[in-house]
Amino acid sequence: MIRLRKQTKIANVPRANISRVKHRQQSLTNSIQELTNKIAELRQNKLNSYIFKLERSTECLKKLKGMQTKIQVFYQDESHQCKRVMNYLEESDKHGGNK
């Protein structure tokens, strides 16, 4: 009987890098949910200026999450360039890219 081994790398990209992107996506999903909950809470208190700011933040996080999804797909297709993207994201975080 022949046993098939499951491939442990996708396009020669270490699974740790893919996991890091997935972790960032989950973190963004959690942040979006927290902001959505806060918006609902503030609506009850009729704090419109805060609602507007949080809605904009939520939209930005949704766009960022979409970008993370594209990065994950890109990871699976182009391992060499994906490493560059992750380095760019890490450098962006170091230099305050999440303001």
PDB file of N, CA and C in Angstrom:
ATOM      1  N   MET A   1       0.839  -1.182   0.000  1.00  0.00           N
ATOM      2  CA  MET A   1       0.000   0.000   0.000  1.00  0.00           C
ATOM      3  C   MET A   1       0.885   1.247   0.000  1.00  0.00           C
ATOM      4  N   ILE A   2       0.566   2.204  -0.829  1.00  0.00           N
ATOM      5  CA  ILE A   2       1.352   3.431  -0.956  1.00  0.00           C
ATOM      6  C   ILE A   2       0.736   4.506  -0.062  1.00  0.00           C
ATOM      7  N   ARG A   3       1.582   5.151   0.732  1.00  0.00           N
ATOM      8  CA  ARG A   3       1.099   6.232   1.590  1.00  0.00           C
ATOM      9  C   ARG A   3       1.533   7.561   0.980  1.00  0.00           C
ATOM     10  N   LEU A   4       0.590   8.503   0.902  1.00  0.00           N
ATOM     11  CA  LEU A   4       0.894   9.831   0.381  1.00  0.00           C
ATOM     12  C   LEU A   4       1.136  10.778   1.539  1.00  0.00           C
ATOM     13  N   ARG A   5       2.204  11.539   1.448  1.00  0.00           N
ATOM     14  CA  ARG A   5       2.495  12.519   2.490  1.00  0.00           C
ATOM     15  C   ARG A   5       1.865  13.841   2.127  1.00  0.00           C
ATOM     16  N   LYS A   6       1.307  14.480   3.114  1.00  0.00           N
ATOM     17  CA  LYS A   6       0.730  15.809   2.897  1.00  0.00           C
ATOM     18  C   LYS A   6       1.867  16.820   2.812  1.00  0.00           C
ATOM     19  N   GLN A   7       1.795  17.673   1.831  1.00  0.00           N
ATOM     20  CA  GLN A   7       2.842  18.673   1.649  1.00  0.00           C
ATOM     21  C   GLN A   7       2.778  19.678   2.791  1.00  0.00           C
ATOM     22  N   THR A   8       3.930  19.984   3.402  1.00  0.00           N
ATOM     23  CA  THR A   8       3.949  20.860   4.569  1.00  0.00           C
ATOM     24  C   THR A   8       4.246  22.310   4.216  1.00  0.00           C
ATOM     25  N   LYS A   9       4.628  22.567   3.001  1.00  0.00           N
ATOM     26  CA  LYS A   9       4.890  23.948   2.594  1.00  0.00           C
ATOM     27  C   LYS A   9       4.037  24.270   1.378  1.00  0.00           C
ATOM     28  N   ILE A  10       3.613  25.506   1.309  1.00  0.00           N
ATOM     29  CA  ILE A  10       2.860  25.972   0.146  1.00  0.00           C
ATOM     30  C   ILE A  10       3.804  26.873  -0.635  1.00  0.00           C
ATOM     31  N   ALA A  11       4.076  26.514  -1.830  1.00  0.00           N
ATOM     32  CA  ALA A  11       4.969  27.284  -2.709  1.00  0.00           C
ATOM     33  C   ALA A  11       6.287  27.621  -2.014  1.00  0.00           C
ATOM     34  N   ASN A  12       6.820  26.654  -1.286  1.00  0.00           N
ATOM     35  CA  ASN A  12       8.101  26.803  -0.594  1.00  0.00           C
ATOM     36  C   ASN A  12       8.122  27.925   0.446  1.00  0.00           C
ATOM     37  N   VAL A  13       6.973  28.307   0.963  1.00  0.00           N
ATOM     38  CA  VAL A  13       6.895  29.329   1.999  1.00  0.00           C
ATOM     39  C   VAL A  13       6.755  28.609   3.341  1.00  0.00           C
ATOM     40  N   PRO A  14       7.577  28.949   4.301  1.00  0.00           N
ATOM     41  CA  PRO A  14       7.439  28.302   5.610  1.00  0.00           C
ATOM     42  C   PRO A  14       6.040  28.528   6.180  1.00  0.00           C
ATOM     43  N   ARG A  15       5.494  27.479   6.787  1.00  0.00           N
ATOM     44  CA  ARG A  15       4.145  27.557   7.344  1.00  0.00           C
ATOM     45  C   ARG A  15       4.056  28.635   8.420  1.00  0.00           C
ATOM     46  N   ALA A  16       5.157  28.934   9.077  1.00  0.00           N
ATOM     47  CA  ALA A  16       5.138  29.963  10.123  1.00  0.00           C
ATOM     48  C   ALA A  16       4.738  31.315   9.544  1.00  0.00           C
ATOM     49  N   ASN A  17       5.212  31.627   8.338  1.00  0.00           N
ATOM     50  CA  ASN A  17       4.857  32.906   7.720  1.00  0.00           C
ATOM     51  C   ASN A  17       3.379  32.947   7.357  1.00  0.00           C
ATOM     52  N   ILE A  18       2.865  31.846   6.852  1.00  0.00           N
ATOM     53  CA  ILE A  18       1.444  31.778   6.512  1.00  0.00           C
ATOM     54  C   ILE A  18       0.625  31.898   7.798  1.00  0.00           C
ATOM     55  N   SER A  19       1.077  31.234   8.845  1.00  0.00           N
ATOM     56  CA  SER A  19       0.381  31.311  10.130  1.00  0.00           C
ATOM     57  C   SER A  19       0.378  32.739  10.660  1.00  0.00           C
ATOM     58  N   ARG A  20       1.469  33.458  10.456  1.00  0.00           N
ATOM     59  CA  ARG A  20       1.554  34.839  10.922  1.00  0.00           C
ATOM     60  C   ARG A  20       0.509  35.704  10.220  1.00  0.00           C
ATOM     61  N   VAL A  21       0.333  35.509   8.924  1.00  0.00           N
ATOM     62  CA  VAL A  21      -0.671  36.273   8.186  1.00  0.00           C
ATOM     63  C   VAL A  21      -2.066  35.907   8.675  1.00  0.00           C
ATOM     64  N   LYS A  22      -2.300  34.609   8.877  1.00  0.00           N
ATOM     65  CA  LYS A  22      -3.610  34.178   9.383  1.00  0.00           C
ATOM     66  C   LYS A  22      -3.871  34.755  10.767  1.00  0.00           C
ATOM     67  N   HIS A  23      -2.828  34.817  11.599  1.00  0.00           N
ATOM     68  CA  HIS A  23      -2.980  35.388  12.941  1.00  0.00           C
ATOM     69  C   HIS A  23      -3.333  36.870  12.846  1.00  0.00           C
ATOM     70  N   ARG A  24      -2.679  37.589  11.940  1.00  0.00           N
ATOM     71  CA  ARG A  24      -2.999  39.004  11.751  1.00  0.00           C
ATOM     72  C   ARG A  24      -4.444  39.173  11.290  1.00  0.00           C
ATOM     73  N   GLN A  25      -4.888  38.293  10.404  1.00  0.00           N
ATOM     74  CA  GLN A  25      -6.273  38.362   9.932  1.00  0.00           C
ATOM     75  C   GLN A  25      -7.230  38.146  11.093  1.00  0.00           C
ATOM     76  N   GLN A  26      -6.943  37.185  11.952  1.00  0.00           N
ATOM     77  CA  GLN A  26      -7.817  36.924  13.105  1.00  0.00           C
ATOM     78  C   GLN A  26      -7.815  38.115  14.047  1.00  0.00           C
ATOM     79  N   SER A  27      -6.652  38.702  14.236  1.00  0.00           N
ATOM     80  CA  SER A  27      -6.542  39.875  15.098  1.00  0.00           C
ATOM     81  C   SER A  27      -7.369  41.032  14.536  1.00  0.00           C
ATOM     82  N   LEU A  28      -7.299  41.218  13.223  1.00  0.00           N
ATOM     83  CA  LEU A  28      -8.101  42.269  12.588  1.00  0.00           C
ATOM     84  C   LEU A  28      -9.585  41.970  12.708  1.00  0.00           C
ATOM     85  N   THR A  29      -9.966  40.714  12.546  1.00  0.00           N
ATOM     86  CA  THR A  29     -11.369  40.325  12.698  1.00  0.00           C
ATOM     87  C   THR A  29     -11.848  40.656  14.108  1.00  0.00           C
ATOM     88  N   ASN A  30     -11.025  40.348  15.095  1.00  0.00           N
ATOM     89  CA  ASN A  30     -11.384  40.655  16.478  1.00  0.00           C
ATOM     90  C   ASN A  30     -11.514  42.157  16.702  1.00  0.00           C
ATOM     91  N   SER A  31     -10.600  42.939  16.141  1.00  0.00           N
ATOM     92  CA  SER A  31     -10.662  44.393  16.283  1.00  0.00           C
ATOM     93  C   SER A  31     -11.914  44.956  15.627  1.00  0.00           C
ATOM     94  N   ILE A  32     -12.250  44.439  14.457  1.00  0.00           N
ATOM     95  CA  ILE A  32     -13.460  44.883  13.769  1.00  0.00           C
ATOM     96  C   ILE A  32     -14.682  44.591  14.628  1.00  0.00           C
ATOM     97  N   GLN A  33     -14.736  43.407  15.211  1.00  0.00           N
ATOM     98  CA  GLN A  33     -15.877  43.046  16.056  1.00  0.00           C
ATOM     99  C   GLN A  33     -15.952  43.941  17.288  1.00  0.00           C
ATOM    100  N   GLU A  34     -14.818  44.225  17.907  1.00  0.00           N
ATOM    101  CA  GLU A  34     -14.799  45.108  19.071  1.00  0.00           C
ATOM    102  C   GLU A  34     -15.304  46.500  18.710  1.00  0.00           C
ATOM    103  N   LEU A  35     -14.850  47.015  17.577  1.00  0.00           N
ATOM    104  CA  LEU A  35     -15.303  48.346  17.153  1.00  0.00           C
ATOM    105  C   LEU A  35     -16.793  48.350  16.819  1.00  0.00           C
ATOM    106  N   THR A  36     -17.258  47.302  16.183  1.00  0.00           N
ATOM    107  CA  THR A  36     -18.689  47.200  15.860  1.00  0.00           C
ATOM    108  C   THR A  36     -19.514  47.192  17.138  1.00  0.00           C
ATOM    109  N   ASN A  37     -19.063  46.461  18.137  1.00  0.00           N
ATOM    110  CA  ASN A  37     -19.761  46.429  19.426  1.00  0.00           C
ATOM    111  C   ASN A  37     -19.743  47.800  20.094  1.00  0.00           C
ATOM    112  N   LYS A  38     -18.605  48.475  20.024  1.00  0.00           N
ATOM    113  CA  LYS A  38     -18.481  49.805  20.631  1.00  0.00           C
ATOM    114  C   LYS A  38     -19.402  50.802  19.925  1.00  0.00           C
ATOM    115  N   ILE A  39     -19.516  50.689  18.611  1.00  0.00           N
ATOM    116  CA  ILE A  39     -20.410  51.565  17.853  1.00  0.00           C
ATOM    117  C   ILE A  39     -21.847  51.374  18.329  1.00  0.00           C
ATOM    118  N   ALA A  40     -22.260  50.127  18.477  1.00  0.00           N
ATOM    119  CA  ALA A  40     -23.622  49.849  18.945  1.00  0.00           C
ATOM    120  C   ALA A  40     -23.842  50.435  20.342  1.00  0.00           C
ATOM    121  N   GLU A  41     -22.844  50.307  21.202  1.00  0.00           N
ATOM    122  CA  GLU A  41     -22.944  50.852  22.563  1.00  0.00           C
ATOM    123  C   GLU A  41     -23.046  52.376  22.532  1.00  0.00           C
ATOM    124  N   LEU A  42     -22.232  53.004  21.703  1.00  0.00           N
ATOM    125  CA  LEU A  42     -22.242  54.469  21.627  1.00  0.00           C
ATOM    126  C   LEU A  42     -23.534  54.996  20.999  1.00  0.00           C
ATOM    127  N   ARG A  43     -24.091  54.251  20.067  1.00  0.00           N
ATOM    128  CA  ARG A  43     -25.363  54.667  19.471  1.00  0.00           C
ATOM    129  C   ARG A  43     -26.431  54.791  20.551  1.00  0.00           C
ATOM    130  N   GLN A  44     -26.402  53.879  21.481  1.00  0.00           N
ATOM    131  CA  GLN A  44     -27.363  53.922  22.577  1.00  0.00           C
ATOM    132  C   GLN A  44     -27.161  55.182  23.413  1.00  0.00           C
ATOM    133  N   ASN A  45     -25.935  55.641  23.491  1.00  0.00           N
ATOM    134  CA  ASN A  45     -25.620  56.844  24.270  1.00  0.00           C
ATOM    135  C   ASN A  45     -25.654  58.112  23.423  1.00  0.00           C
ATOM    136  N   LYS A  46     -25.919  57.958  22.134  1.00  0.00           N
ATOM    137  CA  LYS A  46     -26.051  59.078  21.194  1.00  0.00           C
ATOM    138  C   LYS A  46     -24.790  59.953  21.140  1.00  0.00           C
ATOM    139  N   LEU A  47     -23.655  59.304  21.054  1.00  0.00           N
ATOM    140  CA  LEU A  47     -22.387  60.025  20.951  1.00  0.00           C
ATOM    141  C   LEU A  47     -21.930  59.999  19.491  1.00  0.00           C
ATOM    142  N   ASN A  48     -22.562  60.820  18.687  1.00  0.00           N
ATOM    143  CA  ASN A  48     -22.377  60.755  17.232  1.00  0.00           C
ATOM    144  C   ASN A  48     -20.958  61.025  16.760  1.00  0.00           C
ATOM    145  N   SER A  49     -20.246  61.935  17.391  1.00  0.00           N
ATOM    146  CA  SER A  49     -18.886  62.227  16.914  1.00  0.00           C
ATOM    147  C   SER A  49     -17.986  60.998  17.089  1.00  0.00           C
ATOM    148  N   TYR A  50     -18.137  60.283  18.187  1.00  0.00           N
ATOM    149  CA  TYR A  50     -17.354  59.070  18.387  1.00  0.00           C
ATOM    150  C   TYR A  50     -17.793  57.969  17.431  1.00  0.00           C
ATOM    151  N   ILE A  51     -19.077  57.897  17.176  1.00  0.00           N
ATOM    152  CA  ILE A  51     -19.599  56.886  16.253  1.00  0.00           C
ATOM    153  C   ILE A  51     -18.954  57.071  14.884  1.00  0.00           C
ATOM    154  N   PHE A  52     -18.924  58.306  14.396  1.00  0.00           N
ATOM    155  CA  PHE A  52     -18.337  58.585  13.087  1.00  0.00           C
ATOM    156  C   PHE A  52     -16.875  58.136  13.037  1.00  0.00           C
ATOM    157  N   LYS A  53     -16.107  58.490  14.061  1.00  0.00           N
ATOM    158  CA  LYS A  53     -14.687  58.124  14.088  1.00  0.00           C
ATOM    159  C   LYS A  53     -14.507  56.608  14.126  1.00  0.00           C
ATOM    160  N   LEU A  54     -15.308  55.933  14.931  1.00  0.00           N
ATOM    161  CA  LEU A  54     -15.182  54.480  15.021  1.00  0.00           C
ATOM    162  C   LEU A  54     -15.637  53.791  13.747  1.00  0.00           C
ATOM    163  N   GLU A  55     -16.654  54.329  13.092  1.00  0.00           N
ATOM    164  CA  GLU A  55     -17.090  53.742  11.821  1.00  0.00           C
ATOM    165  C   GLU A  55     -15.981  53.843  10.784  1.00  0.00           C
ATOM    166  N   ARG A  56     -15.305  54.994  10.748  1.00  0.00           N
ATOM    167  CA  ARG A  56     -14.178  55.161   9.819  1.00  0.00           C
ATOM    168  C   ARG A  56     -13.054  54.193  10.153  1.00  0.00           C
ATOM    169  N   SER A  57     -12.767  54.030  11.442  1.00  0.00           N
ATOM    170  CA  SER A  57     -11.727  53.083  11.856  1.00  0.00           C
ATOM    171  C   SER A  57     -12.100  51.666  11.445  1.00  0.00           C
ATOM    172  N   THR A  58     -13.363  51.327  11.610  1.00  0.00           N
ATOM    173  CA  THR A  58     -13.827  49.990  11.238  1.00  0.00           C
ATOM    174  C   THR A  58     -13.663  49.767   9.745  1.00  0.00           C
ATOM    175  N   GLU A  59     -14.030  50.758   8.946  1.00  0.00           N
ATOM    176  CA  GLU A  59     -13.872  50.642   7.495  1.00  0.00           C
ATOM    177  C   GLU A  59     -12.404  50.464   7.120  1.00  0.00           C
ATOM    178  N   CYS A  60     -11.526  51.207   7.774  1.00  0.00           N
ATOM    179  CA  CYS A  60     -10.090  51.069   7.504  1.00  0.00           C
ATOM    180  C   CYS A  60      -9.600  49.665   7.857  1.00  0.00           C
ATOM    181  N   LEU A  61     -10.069  49.139   8.996  1.00  0.00           N
ATOM    182  CA  LEU A  61      -9.663  47.790   9.391  1.00  0.00           C
ATOM    183  C   LEU A  61     -10.191  46.746   8.407  1.00  0.00           C
ATOM    184  N   LYS A  62     -11.399  46.956   7.899  1.00  0.00           N
ATOM    185  CA  LYS A  62     -11.945  46.014   6.920  1.00  0.00           C
ATOM    186  C   LYS A  62     -11.101  46.023   5.647  1.00  0.00           C
ATOM    187  N   LYS A  63     -10.673  47.216   5.229  1.00  0.00           N
ATOM    188  CA  LYS A  63      -9.813  47.300   4.047  1.00  0.00           C
ATOM    189  C   LYS A  63      -8.472  46.619   4.308  1.00  0.00           C
ATOM    190  N   LEU A  64      -7.937  46.839   5.506  1.00  0.00           N
ATOM    191  CA  LEU A  64      -6.671  46.211   5.865  1.00  0.00           C
ATOM    192  C   LEU A  64      -6.809  44.698   5.897  1.00  0.00           C
ATOM    193  N   LYS A  65      -7.925  44.211   6.419  1.00  0.00           N
ATOM    194  CA  LYS A  65      -8.157  42.772   6.441  1.00  0.00           C
ATOM    195  C   LYS A  65      -8.221  42.229   5.011  1.00  0.00           C
ATOM    196  N   GLY A  66      -8.875  42.962   4.117  1.00  0.00           N
ATOM    197  CA  GLY A  66      -8.914  42.557   2.710  1.00  0.00           C
ATOM    198  C   GLY A  66      -7.520  42.500   2.106  1.00  0.00           C
ATOM    199  N   MET A  67      -6.692  43.477   2.486  1.00  0.00           N
ATOM    200  CA  MET A  67      -5.314  43.478   2.004  1.00  0.00           C
ATOM    201  C   MET A  67      -4.566  42.271   2.559  1.00  0.00           C
ATOM    202  N   GLN A  68      -4.821  41.925   3.819  1.00  0.00           N
ATOM    203  CA  GLN A  68      -4.171  40.752   4.406  1.00  0.00           C
ATOM    204  C   GLN A  68      -4.582  39.483   3.667  1.00  0.00           C
ATOM    205  N   THR A  69      -5.850  39.407   3.268  1.00  0.00           N
ATOM    206  CA  THR A  69      -6.320  38.246   2.519  1.00  0.00           C
ATOM    207  C   THR A  69      -5.577  38.152   1.190  1.00  0.00           C
ATOM    208  N   LYS A  70      -5.416  39.291   0.522  1.00  0.00           N
ATOM    209  CA  LYS A  70      -4.673  39.296  -0.738  1.00  0.00           C
ATOM    210  C   LYS A  70      -3.229  38.869  -0.520  1.00  0.00           C
ATOM    211  N   ILE A  71      -2.655  39.303   0.595  1.00  0.00           N
ATOM    212  CA  ILE A  71      -1.280  38.921   0.909  1.00  0.00           C
ATOM    213  C   ILE A  71      -1.188  37.416   1.104  1.00  0.00           C
ATOM    214  N   GLN A  72      -2.168  36.840   1.779  1.00  0.00           N
ATOM    215  CA  GLN A  72      -2.147  35.387   2.008  1.00  0.00           C
ATOM    216  C   GLN A  72      -2.199  34.634   0.683  1.00  0.00           C
ATOM    217  N   VAL A  73      -3.046  35.067  -0.231  1.00  0.00           N
ATOM    218  CA  VAL A  73      -3.124  34.428  -1.545  1.00  0.00           C
ATOM    219  C   VAL A  73      -1.803  34.601  -2.275  1.00  0.00           C
ATOM    220  N   PHE A  74      -1.261  35.792  -2.177  1.00  0.00           N
ATOM    221  CA  PHE A  74       0.014  36.083  -2.799  1.00  0.00           C
ATOM    222  C   PHE A  74       1.097  35.169  -2.234  1.00  0.00           C
ATOM    223  N   TYR A  75       1.059  34.937  -0.928  1.00  0.00           N
ATOM    224  CA  TYR A  75       1.992  34.020  -0.286  1.00  0.00           C
ATOM    225  C   TYR A  75       1.954  32.650  -0.941  1.00  0.00           C
ATOM    226  N   GLN A  76       0.768  32.182  -1.190  1.00  0.00           N
ATOM    227  CA  GLN A  76       0.636  30.849  -1.735  1.00  0.00           C
ATOM    228  C   GLN A  76       1.129  30.769  -3.172  1.00  0.00           C
ATOM    229  N   ASP A  77       1.160  31.891  -3.880  1.00  0.00           N
ATOM    230  CA  ASP A  77       1.576  31.894  -5.276  1.00  0.00           C
ATOM    231  C   ASP A  77       3.045  32.280  -5.477  1.00  0.00           C
ATOM    232  N   GLU A  78       3.513  33.220  -4.710  1.00  0.00           N
ATOM    233  CA  GLU A  78       4.853  33.769  -4.930  1.00  0.00           C
ATOM    234  C   GLU A  78       5.634  33.834  -3.620  1.00  0.00           C
ATOM    235  N   SER A  79       6.314  32.771  -3.278  1.00  0.00           N
ATOM    236  CA  SER A  79       6.981  32.693  -1.978  1.00  0.00           C
ATOM    237  C   SER A  79       8.081  33.755  -1.811  1.00  0.00           C
ATOM    238  N   HIS A  80       8.851  33.995  -2.808  1.00  0.00           N
ATOM    239  CA  HIS A  80       9.954  34.943  -2.681  1.00  0.00           C
ATOM    240  C   HIS A  80       9.435  36.341  -2.387  1.00  0.00           C
ATOM    241  N   GLN A  81       8.481  36.794  -3.156  1.00  0.00           N
ATOM    242  CA  GLN A  81       7.970  38.145  -2.970  1.00  0.00           C
ATOM    243  C   GLN A  81       7.135  38.268  -1.708  1.00  0.00           C
ATOM    244  N   CYS A  82       6.554  37.193  -1.246  1.00  0.00           N
ATOM    245  CA  CYS A  82       5.775  37.227  -0.004  1.00  0.00           C
ATOM    246  C   CYS A  82       6.655  37.569   1.182  1.00  0.00           C
ATOM    247  N   LYS A  83       7.859  37.075   1.172  1.00  0.00           N
ATOM    248  CA  LYS A  83       8.777  37.404   2.259  1.00  0.00           C
ATOM    249  C   LYS A  83       9.021  38.908   2.288  1.00  0.00           C
ATOM    250  N   ARG A  84       9.122  39.516   1.126  1.00  0.00           N
ATOM    251  CA  ARG A  84       9.288  40.965   1.049  1.00  0.00           C
ATOM    252  C   ARG A  84       8.088  41.694   1.641  1.00  0.00           C
ATOM    253  N   VAL A  85       6.888  41.203   1.348  1.00  0.00           N
ATOM    254  CA  VAL A  85       5.674  41.830   1.862  1.00  0.00           C
ATOM    255  C   VAL A  85       5.654  41.774   3.382  1.00  0.00           C
ATOM    256  N   MET A  86       5.982  40.627   3.932  1.00  0.00           N
ATOM    257  CA  MET A  86       5.989  40.501   5.395  1.00  0.00           C
ATOM    258  C   MET A  86       7.034  41.434   6.005  1.00  0.00           C
ATOM    259  N   ASN A  87       8.195  41.530   5.384  1.00  0.00           N
ATOM    260  CA  ASN A  87       9.214  42.456   5.886  1.00  0.00           C
ATOM    261  C   ASN A  87       8.692  43.884   5.844  1.00  0.00           C
ATOM    262  N   TYR A  88       8.005  44.222   4.771  1.00  0.00           N
ATOM    263  CA  TYR A  88       7.430  45.559   4.650  1.00  0.00           C
ATOM    264  C   TYR A  88       6.406  45.804   5.757  1.00  0.00           C
ATOM    265  N   LEU A  89       5.539  44.839   6.024  1.00  0.00           N
ATOM    266  CA  LEU A  89       4.523  45.003   7.066  1.00  0.00           C
ATOM    267  C   LEU A  89       5.166  45.137   8.440  1.00  0.00           C
ATOM    268  N   GLU A  90       6.198  44.353   8.689  1.00  0.00           N
ATOM    269  CA  GLU A  90       6.876  44.436   9.974  1.00  0.00           C
ATOM    270  C   GLU A  90       7.571  45.786  10.133  1.00  0.00           C
ATOM    271  N   GLU A  91       8.215  46.267   9.090  1.00  0.00           N
ATOM    272  CA  GLU A  91       8.859  47.571   9.151  1.00  0.00           C
ATOM    273  C   GLU A  91       7.825  48.673   9.343  1.00  0.00           C
ATOM    274  N   SER A  92       6.689  48.519   8.690  1.00  0.00           N
ATOM    275  CA  SER A  92       5.611  49.493   8.829  1.00  0.00           C
ATOM    276  C   SER A  92       5.132  49.550  10.267  1.00  0.00           C
ATOM    277  N   ASP A  93       4.994  48.393  10.905  1.00  0.00           N
ATOM    278  CA  ASP A  93       4.588  48.336  12.317  1.00  0.00           C
ATOM    279  C   ASP A  93       5.628  49.024  13.199  1.00  0.00           C
ATOM    280  N   LYS A  94       6.912  48.809  12.903  1.00  0.00           N
ATOM    281  CA  LYS A  94       7.987  49.400  13.702  1.00  0.00           C
ATOM    282  C   LYS A  94       7.987  50.915  13.598  1.00  0.00           C
ATOM    283  N   HIS A  95       7.609  51.421  12.441  1.00  0.00           N
ATOM    284  CA  HIS A  95       7.659  52.863  12.198  1.00  0.00           C
ATOM    285  C   HIS A  95       6.309  53.529  12.397  1.00  0.00           C
ATOM    286  N   GLY A  96       5.431  52.891  13.123  1.00  0.00           N
ATOM    287  CA  GLY A  96       4.145  53.514  13.440  1.00  0.00           C
ATOM    288  C   GLY A  96       3.149  53.475  12.319  1.00  0.00           C
ATOM    289  N   GLY A  97       3.184  52.448  11.494  1.00  0.00           N
ATOM    290  CA  GLY A  97       2.259  52.335  10.373  1.00  0.00           C
ATOM    291  C   GLY A  97       0.836  52.036  10.797  1.00  0.00           C
ATOM    292  N   ASN A  98       0.606  51.797  12.084  1.00  0.00           N
ATOM    293  CA  ASN A  98      -0.734  51.441  12.535  1.00  0.00           C
ATOM    294  C   ASN A  98      -1.396  52.582  13.288  1.00  0.00           C
ATOM    295  N   LYS A  99      -1.061  53.827  12.935  1.00  0.00           N
ATOM    296  CA  LYS A  99      -1.656  54.998  13.602  1.00  0.00           C
ATOM    297  C   LYS A  99      -3.072  55.207  13.160  1.00  0.00           C
TER     298      LYS A  99
END
